[in-house]
């Protein structure tokens, strides 16, 4: 984890929690270069807010839209921004439990309507999946019908929202969240992604903050993020690798 006084060979990373497993493994692989990593994870909007406030991190990882906001405000160096991964929303059940059919919009709606309880991120916390799912349920005409059985998951302080913990402990029958966050939770099985017609893809990007204490080291790490090694790590954790301009 990040420390108050980082060594000269250490990179401090502030990342959206959806990429926790990816960032940790990338750091481990890049450590062969002799660089140490001090990652910290929080919710996507809080990454933006803390970088905006000038906290001394060398790398920021959050949604492409929020990196774009920071670039326009000159809080990150726009030329360093790189789109790291595309993330889709999926459905989970407790490990070993039957997986419902979600292969079409009609089947997905039926799975929601017949589930005893459903967990998703509380949109009040600003997570990409929580905000989108609230809009999707309304668009599908299910918001009122599902309200009584929704389990809206939040978090204390800057902690990550872990929706599928509620599935693993039996509090909810179905969990809906970013696929990379689902596969990182022990005790749950991924049913699959939302149907293509109603899928929502979030692009996560990385950039060097303008106030980065070690910008040269940070730029080297950004270069590493475009490597085949980094792409393989992203894919192994349920996201689609994509290295293009991030802002």
Protein backbone atom coordinates (compact mmCIF):
# COMPACT_ATOMS: atom_id res chain seq x y z
CA UNK A 1 0.00 0.00 0.00
CA UNK A 2 1.01 3.62 -0.42
CA UNK A 3 3.22 5.19 2.24
CA UNK A 4 3.62 8.81 3.28
CA UNK A 5 7.23 9.00 2.03
CA UNK A 6 7.83 7.02 -1.13
CA UNK A 7 11.34 6.06 -2.16
CA UNK A 8 12.80 7.43 -5.38
CA UNK A 9 12.39 4.05 -7.08
CA UNK A 10 8.75 3.66 -6.04
CA UNK A 11 5.71 4.54 -8.12
CA UNK A 12 2.51 5.53 -6.33
CA UNK A 13 -0.63 4.48 -8.19
CA UNK A 14 -4.18 5.56 -7.42
CA UNK A 15 -6.57 3.23 -9.23
CA UNK A 16 -10.23 2.47 -9.56
CA UNK A 17 -10.98 -0.69 -7.58
CA UNK A 18 -12.43 -2.41 -10.65
CA UNK A 19 -8.85 -2.88 -11.84
CA UNK A 20 -7.38 -4.00 -8.51
CA UNK A 21 -6.30 -7.48 -9.62
CA UNK A 22 -4.99 -6.16 -12.94
CA UNK A 23 -2.95 -3.34 -11.41
CA UNK A 24 -1.48 -5.60 -8.73
CA UNK A 25 -0.35 -8.19 -11.28
CA UNK A 26 1.01 -5.56 -13.65
CA UNK A 27 3.01 -4.12 -10.78
CA UNK A 28 4.40 -7.54 -9.91
CA UNK A 29 5.46 -8.16 -13.51
CA UNK A 30 7.03 -4.74 -13.89
CA UNK A 31 8.89 -5.11 -10.59
CA UNK A 32 11.60 -6.99 -12.49
CA UNK A 33 12.76 -3.56 -13.64
CA UNK A 34 13.69 -2.74 -10.06
CA UNK A 35 10.77 -0.38 -9.58
CA UNK A 36 8.60 -0.82 -6.50
CA UNK A 37 4.88 -0.14 -6.48
CA UNK A 38 2.61 1.43 -3.90
CA UNK A 39 -0.95 0.98 -5.22
CA UNK A 40 -4.05 2.39 -3.58
CA UNK A 41 -7.58 1.53 -4.69
CA UNK A 42 -10.81 3.43 -4.35
CA UNK A 43 -13.99 4.19 -6.28
CA UNK A 44 -13.62 5.66 -9.77
CA UNK A 45 -15.03 9.13 -8.98
CA UNK A 46 -12.79 9.42 -5.93
CA UNK A 47 -9.70 8.78 -8.08
CA UNK A 48 -10.68 11.81 -10.15
CA UNK A 49 -11.42 13.91 -7.08
CA UNK A 50 -8.13 13.10 -5.32
CA UNK A 51 -6.01 13.71 -8.43
CA UNK A 52 -7.96 16.94 -8.99
CA UNK A 53 -7.03 17.96 -5.43
CA UNK A 54 -3.34 17.50 -6.24
CA UNK A 55 -2.47 14.42 -4.20
CA UNK A 56 1.04 13.23 -5.15
CA UNK A 57 0.43 10.09 -7.19
CA UNK A 58 2.55 9.05 -10.18
CA UNK A 59 -0.18 7.17 -12.06
CA UNK A 60 -3.95 7.64 -12.09
CA UNK A 61 -6.25 4.87 -13.32
CA UNK A 62 -9.96 5.54 -13.65
CA UNK A 63 -12.64 5.70 -16.32
CA UNK A 64 -11.73 7.22 -19.66
CA UNK A 65 -14.34 9.93 -19.15
CA UNK A 66 -12.81 10.98 -15.83
CA UNK A 67 -9.27 10.95 -17.22
CA UNK A 68 -10.63 13.18 -19.97
CA UNK A 69 -12.02 15.59 -17.38
CA UNK A 70 -8.68 15.72 -15.60
CA UNK A 71 -6.82 16.29 -18.87
CA UNK A 72 -9.03 19.27 -19.72
CA UNK A 73 -8.25 20.70 -16.28
CA UNK A 74 -4.51 20.05 -16.76
CA UNK A 75 -4.53 17.74 -13.73
CA UNK A 76 -3.08 14.90 -15.82
CA UNK A 77 -0.72 15.12 -18.79
CA UNK A 78 -3.01 14.48 -21.75
CA UNK A 79 -0.20 13.13 -23.92
CA UNK A 80 0.40 10.27 -21.46
CA UNK A 81 -3.21 9.05 -21.35
CA UNK A 82 -3.70 5.48 -22.54
CA UNK A 83 -6.87 3.41 -22.74
CA UNK A 84 -6.01 0.29 -20.79
CA UNK A 85 -9.11 -1.92 -20.71
CA UNK A 86 -12.74 -2.23 -21.70
CA UNK A 87 -14.98 -3.68 -19.03
CA UNK A 88 -18.44 -5.17 -19.47
CA UNK A 89 -21.14 -5.74 -16.86
CA UNK A 90 -21.98 -9.31 -15.94
CA UNK A 91 -24.24 -11.42 -13.75
CA UNK A 92 -23.09 -13.68 -10.91
CA UNK A 93 -24.55 -16.39 -8.68
CA UNK A 94 -23.23 -18.10 -5.58
CA UNK A 95 -20.71 -20.81 -6.46
CA UNK A 96 -22.43 -24.08 -7.37
CA UNK A 97 -25.88 -22.55 -7.72
CA UNK A 98 -27.86 -22.88 -10.98
CA UNK A 99 -27.08 -20.25 -13.59
CA UNK A 100 -30.12 -18.55 -15.11
CA UNK A 101 -30.49 -17.99 -18.84
CA UNK A 102 -29.45 -14.42 -19.66
CA UNK A 103 -28.74 -15.00 -23.35
CA UNK A 104 -31.35 -12.52 -24.60
CA UNK A 105 -32.98 -9.38 -23.29
CA UNK A 106 -36.19 -11.30 -22.63
CA UNK A 107 -34.32 -14.05 -20.77
CA UNK A 108 -32.38 -11.47 -18.74
CA UNK A 109 -35.59 -9.71 -17.74
CA UNK A 110 -37.11 -13.03 -16.73
CA UNK A 111 -34.05 -13.88 -14.61
CA UNK A 112 -34.40 -10.58 -12.77
CA UNK A 113 -38.14 -10.99 -12.29
CA UNK A 114 -37.85 -14.52 -10.88
CA UNK A 115 -34.80 -13.92 -8.66
CA UNK A 116 -35.56 -13.65 -4.95
CA UNK A 117 -33.01 -10.85 -4.50
CA UNK A 118 -30.58 -8.85 -6.65
CA UNK A 119 -27.42 -7.00 -5.65
CA UNK A 120 -25.89 -4.12 -7.55
CA UNK A 121 -23.86 -1.04 -6.69
CA UNK A 122 -25.75 1.82 -5.10
CA UNK A 123 -25.76 4.55 -7.77
CA UNK A 124 -25.28 7.12 -5.01
CA UNK A 125 -21.63 6.03 -4.87
CA UNK A 126 -21.02 6.99 -8.49
CA UNK A 127 -19.75 3.66 -9.80
CA UNK A 128 -20.13 3.05 -13.53
CA UNK A 129 -22.16 -0.12 -13.15
CA UNK A 130 -24.46 1.26 -10.47
CA UNK A 131 -25.33 4.36 -12.46
CA UNK A 132 -25.94 2.40 -15.65
CA UNK A 133 -28.02 -0.36 -14.06
CA UNK A 134 -30.36 2.12 -12.40
CA UNK A 135 -30.99 3.65 -15.84
CA UNK A 136 -31.31 0.22 -17.47
CA UNK A 137 -33.92 -1.07 -15.03
CA UNK A 138 -35.99 2.06 -15.66
CA UNK A 139 -35.62 1.67 -19.44
CA UNK A 140 -36.73 -1.97 -19.26
CA UNK A 141 -39.76 -0.98 -17.19
CA UNK A 142 -38.55 -2.99 -14.20
CA UNK A 143 -37.56 -0.32 -11.68
CA UNK A 144 -40.76 -0.45 -9.62
CA UNK A 145 -41.09 -4.22 -9.86
CA UNK A 146 -37.53 -4.89 -8.69
CA UNK A 147 -37.35 -2.22 -5.99
CA UNK A 148 -38.42 -4.46 -3.09
CA UNK A 149 -35.79 -7.10 -3.80
CA UNK A 150 -32.85 -4.87 -4.71
CA UNK A 151 -29.82 -4.94 -2.42
CA UNK A 152 -27.94 -1.71 -3.12
CA UNK A 153 -24.33 -2.13 -2.03
CA UNK A 154 -22.26 0.84 -0.91
CA UNK A 155 -18.97 1.28 0.90
CA UNK A 156 -17.48 3.20 3.79
CA UNK A 157 -15.19 6.14 3.09
CA UNK A 158 -13.10 5.50 0.00
CA UNK A 159 -13.42 1.72 0.09
CA UNK A 160 -14.40 -0.18 -3.04
CA UNK A 161 -17.97 -1.32 -3.63
CA UNK A 162 -17.89 -5.14 -3.64
CA UNK A 163 -21.33 -6.11 -4.91
CA UNK A 164 -20.78 -9.84 -5.16
CA UNK A 165 -19.81 -10.21 -1.52
CA UNK A 166 -23.58 -10.09 -1.00
CA UNK A 167 -23.94 -13.02 -3.40
CA UNK A 168 -21.16 -15.04 -1.80
CA UNK A 169 -22.70 -14.69 1.67
CA UNK A 170 -26.21 -15.54 0.47
CA UNK A 171 -27.72 -12.10 0.94
CA UNK A 172 -28.54 -11.84 -2.77
CA UNK A 173 -29.36 -14.49 -5.36
CA UNK A 174 -28.00 -12.52 -8.32
CA UNK A 175 -25.21 -9.95 -8.46
CA UNK A 176 -24.61 -7.46 -11.27
CA UNK A 177 -21.29 -5.64 -11.57
CA UNK A 178 -18.23 -5.21 -13.76
CA UNK A 179 -17.06 -8.69 -14.82
CA UNK A 180 -13.51 -8.10 -13.60
CA UNK A 181 -14.89 -7.33 -10.14
CA UNK A 182 -17.09 -10.44 -10.19
CA UNK A 183 -14.27 -12.85 -11.01
CA UNK A 184 -12.15 -11.40 -8.20
CA UNK A 185 -14.68 -12.41 -5.51
CA UNK A 186 -14.30 -15.90 -4.00
CA UNK A 187 -17.49 -17.90 -3.66
CA UNK A 188 -19.30 -16.69 -6.77
CA UNK A 189 -19.61 -17.94 -10.36
CA UNK A 190 -19.89 -15.71 -13.40
CA UNK A 191 -23.07 -16.44 -15.34
CA UNK A 192 -22.01 -14.26 -18.26
CA UNK A 193 -22.21 -10.73 -19.64
CA UNK A 194 -25.41 -8.79 -20.16
CA UNK A 195 -26.97 -9.31 -23.60
CA UNK A 196 -25.20 -7.25 -26.27
CA UNK A 197 -28.25 -5.06 -26.94
CA UNK A 198 -28.24 -3.73 -23.38
CA UNK A 199 -24.57 -4.10 -22.51
CA UNK A 200 -22.61 -1.13 -21.18
CA UNK A 201 -18.87 -1.00 -21.76
CA UNK A 202 -16.68 1.14 -19.52
CA UNK A 203 -13.23 2.08 -20.77
CA UNK A 204 -10.59 2.46 -18.07
CA UNK A 205 -7.57 4.64 -18.79
CA UNK A 206 -4.28 5.52 -17.14
CA UNK A 207 -2.37 8.79 -17.18
CA UNK A 208 0.44 10.60 -15.42
CA UNK A 209 -0.85 13.34 -13.11
CA UNK A 210 0.61 16.80 -13.61
CA UNK A 211 1.74 16.75 -9.96
CA UNK A 212 3.43 13.34 -10.22
CA UNK A 213 6.58 13.26 -8.03
CA UNK A 214 8.33 10.79 -10.40
CA UNK A 215 7.03 11.60 -13.91
CA UNK A 216 9.87 9.85 -15.75
CA UNK A 217 9.26 6.55 -13.94
CA UNK A 218 5.52 7.00 -14.46
CA UNK A 219 5.94 7.52 -18.22
CA UNK A 220 8.01 4.34 -18.43
CA UNK A 221 5.20 2.44 -16.73
CA UNK A 222 2.64 3.93 -19.14
CA UNK A 223 4.80 2.54 -21.97
CA UNK A 224 4.72 -0.87 -20.30
CA UNK A 225 0.91 -0.74 -20.26
CA UNK A 226 0.93 -0.88 -24.08
CA UNK A 227 3.01 -4.08 -24.12
CA UNK A 228 1.75 -7.57 -25.02
CA UNK A 229 2.48 -8.62 -21.43
CA UNK A 230 0.10 -5.99 -20.08
CA UNK A 231 -2.58 -6.89 -22.61
CA UNK A 232 -2.40 -10.53 -21.54
CA UNK A 233 -2.85 -9.56 -17.88
CA UNK A 234 -5.90 -7.45 -18.71
CA UNK A 235 -7.50 -10.27 -20.69
CA UNK A 236 -6.80 -12.84 -17.97
CA UNK A 237 -8.89 -10.81 -15.52
CA UNK A 238 -12.06 -10.59 -17.57
CA UNK A 239 -11.49 -7.31 -19.40
CA UNK A 240 -10.73 -6.55 -23.04
CA UNK A 241 -7.31 -4.94 -23.58
CA UNK A 242 -7.22 -1.79 -25.66
CA UNK A 243 -4.32 0.61 -26.00
CA UNK A 244 -5.40 3.80 -27.70
CA UNK A 245 -5.43 7.45 -26.71
CA UNK A 246 -7.18 7.62 -23.35
CA UNK A 247 -8.37 11.23 -23.28
